[in-house]
Amino acid sequence: MIYCVIPRELADELYDKMVEYYSDNPNVTVIVDRREGSDRRSGQTPTAEIKEQRLTRERRRAHPGRFPDTGAPPE
């Protein structure tokens, strides 16, 4: 699913046009942005705790015993 997000200020002039434009594409949904209030992220620097939470961790683990035992090569 793909969302075409229209800013509230431009909804009157763009919404109908974009719905018509994407009418042949069932994977696209046109929506109007209805968020209110200020952006909570603006002007704030993340604390060390938040930075720690955002670290990408290696999730892959070794899985011992995945390969069949072939035995020692003949001498």
C-alpha atoms as a PDB file:
ATOM      1  CA  MET A   1       0.000   0.000   0.000  1.00  0.00           C
ATOM      2  CA  ILE A   2       1.263   3.436  -0.938  1.00  0.00           C
ATOM      3  CA  TYR A   3      -0.157   6.569   0.652  1.00  0.00           C
ATOM      4  CA  CYS A   4      -0.246   9.897  -1.143  1.00  0.00           C
ATOM      5  CA  VAL A   5      -0.420  12.373   1.738  1.00  0.00           C
ATOM      6  CA  ILE A   6      -1.926  15.768   0.966  1.00  0.00           C
ATOM      7  CA  PRO A   7      -1.134  18.646   3.368  1.00  0.00           C
ATOM      8  CA  ARG A   8      -4.268  20.031   5.002  1.00  0.00           C
ATOM      9  CA  GLU A   9      -3.602  23.489   3.554  1.00  0.00           C
ATOM     10  CA  LEU A  10      -3.696  22.099  -0.003  1.00  0.00           C
ATOM     11  CA  ALA A  11      -6.493  19.564   0.449  1.00  0.00           C
ATOM     12  CA  ASP A  12      -9.195  21.707  -1.196  1.00  0.00           C
ATOM     13  CA  GLU A  13      -7.284  22.098  -4.435  1.00  0.00           C
ATOM     14  CA  LEU A  14      -5.324  18.830  -4.619  1.00  0.00           C
ATOM     15  CA  TYR A  15      -7.341  16.029  -3.041  1.00  0.00           C
ATOM     16  CA  ASP A  16      -9.844  15.471  -5.872  1.00  0.00           C
ATOM     17  CA  LYS A  17      -7.109  15.807  -8.513  1.00  0.00           C
ATOM     18  CA  MET A  18      -4.882  13.234  -6.829  1.00  0.00           C
ATOM     19  CA  VAL A  19      -7.763  10.779  -6.291  1.00  0.00           C
ATOM     20  CA  GLU A  20      -8.540  11.037 -10.000  1.00  0.00           C
ATOM     21  CA  TYR A  21      -4.859  10.692 -10.938  1.00  0.00           C
ATOM     22  CA  TYR A  22      -4.430   7.504  -8.900  1.00  0.00           C
ATOM     23  CA  SER A  23      -7.889   6.046  -9.613  1.00  0.00           C
ATOM     24  CA  ASP A  24      -6.398   3.353 -11.878  1.00  0.00           C
ATOM     25  CA  ASN A  25      -3.823   2.263  -9.308  1.00  0.00           C
ATOM     26  CA  PRO A  26      -5.346   0.155  -6.504  1.00  0.00           C
ATOM     27  CA  ASN A  27      -2.056   0.250  -4.567  1.00  0.00           C
ATOM     28  CA  VAL A  28      -2.284   4.001  -3.914  1.00  0.00           C
ATOM     29  CA  THR A  29      -4.549   5.615  -1.335  1.00  0.00           C
ATOM     30  CA  VAL A  30      -4.838   9.388  -1.175  1.00  0.00           C
ATOM     31  CA  ILE A  31      -5.210  10.818   2.334  1.00  0.00           C
ATOM     32  CA  VAL A  32      -5.239  14.259   3.947  1.00  0.00           C
ATOM     33  CA  ASP A  33      -2.752  14.938   6.734  1.00  0.00           C
ATOM     34  CA  ARG A  34      -4.822  15.672   9.831  1.00  0.00           C
ATOM     35  CA  ARG A  35      -2.104  15.906  12.454  1.00  0.00           C
ATOM     36  CA  GLU A  36      -2.357  18.831  14.816  1.00  0.00           C
ATOM     37  CA  GLY A  37       0.018  20.528  17.205  1.00  0.00           C
ATOM     38  CA  SER A  38       3.713  21.082  17.079  1.00  0.00           C
ATOM     39  CA  ASP A  39       6.251  18.492  16.052  1.00  0.00           C
ATOM     40  CA  ARG A  40       7.524  16.901  19.257  1.00  0.00           C
ATOM     41  CA  ARG A  41      10.922  16.205  17.713  1.00  0.00           C
ATOM     42  CA  SER A  42      11.763  19.767  16.728  1.00  0.00           C
ATOM     43  CA  GLY A  43      14.412  21.543  18.737  1.00  0.00           C
ATOM     44  CA  GLN A  44      15.248  18.629  20.986  1.00  0.00           C
ATOM     45  CA  THR A  45      18.513  16.774  21.116  1.00  0.00           C
ATOM     46  CA  PRO A  46      18.178  13.115  22.000  1.00  0.00           C
ATOM     47  CA  THR A  47      19.498  12.047  25.376  1.00  0.00           C
ATOM     48  CA  ALA A  48      22.128   9.333  25.741  1.00  0.00           C
ATOM     49  CA  GLU A  49      19.409   6.901  26.805  1.00  0.00           C
ATOM     50  CA  ILE A  50      17.386   7.539  23.654  1.00  0.00           C
ATOM     51  CA  LYS A  51      20.486   7.218  21.484  1.00  0.00           C
ATOM     52  CA  GLU A  52      21.205   3.860  23.128  1.00  0.00           C
ATOM     53  CA  GLN A  53      17.690   2.656  22.318  1.00  0.00           C
ATOM     54  CA  ARG A  54      18.147   3.613  18.669  1.00  0.00           C
ATOM     55  CA  LEU A  55      21.288   1.558  18.152  1.00  0.00           C
ATOM     56  CA  THR A  56      20.961  -1.132  15.548  1.00  0.00           C
ATOM     57  CA  ARG A  57      21.906  -4.386  17.099  1.00  0.00           C
ATOM     58  CA  GLU A  58      23.194  -7.479  15.352  1.00  0.00           C
ATOM     59  CA  ARG A  59      20.341  -9.951  15.655  1.00  0.00           C
ATOM     60  CA  ARG A  60      21.835 -12.819  13.713  1.00  0.00           C
ATOM     61  CA  ARG A  61      23.184 -15.588  15.865  1.00  0.00           C
ATOM     62  CA  ALA A  62      25.442 -18.513  15.106  1.00  0.00           C
ATOM     63  CA  HIS A  63      23.581 -21.769  14.732  1.00  0.00           C
ATOM     64  CA  PRO A  64      25.962 -24.587  15.598  1.00  0.00           C
ATOM     65  CA  GLY A  65      25.376 -27.948  13.988  1.00  0.00           C
ATOM     66  CA  ARG A  66      23.868 -26.642  10.766  1.00  0.00           C
ATOM     67  CA  PHE A  67      26.354 -28.462   8.508  1.00  0.00           C
ATOM     68  CA  PRO A  68      26.370 -32.253   8.232  1.00  0.00           C
ATOM     69  CA  ASP A  69      29.311 -34.069   9.752  1.00  0.00           C
ATOM     70  CA  THR A  70      31.496 -35.245   6.881  1.00  0.00           C
ATOM     71  CA  GLY A  71      34.116 -36.939   9.002  1.00  0.00           C
ATOM     72  CA  ALA A  72      37.873 -36.665   8.627  1.00  0.00           C
ATOM     73  CA  PRO A  73      39.333 -36.852   5.137  1.00  0.00           C
ATOM     74  CA  PRO A  74      41.039 -40.148   4.202  1.00  0.00           C
ATOM     75  CA  GLU A  75      44.778 -40.173   4.726  1.00  0.00           C
END
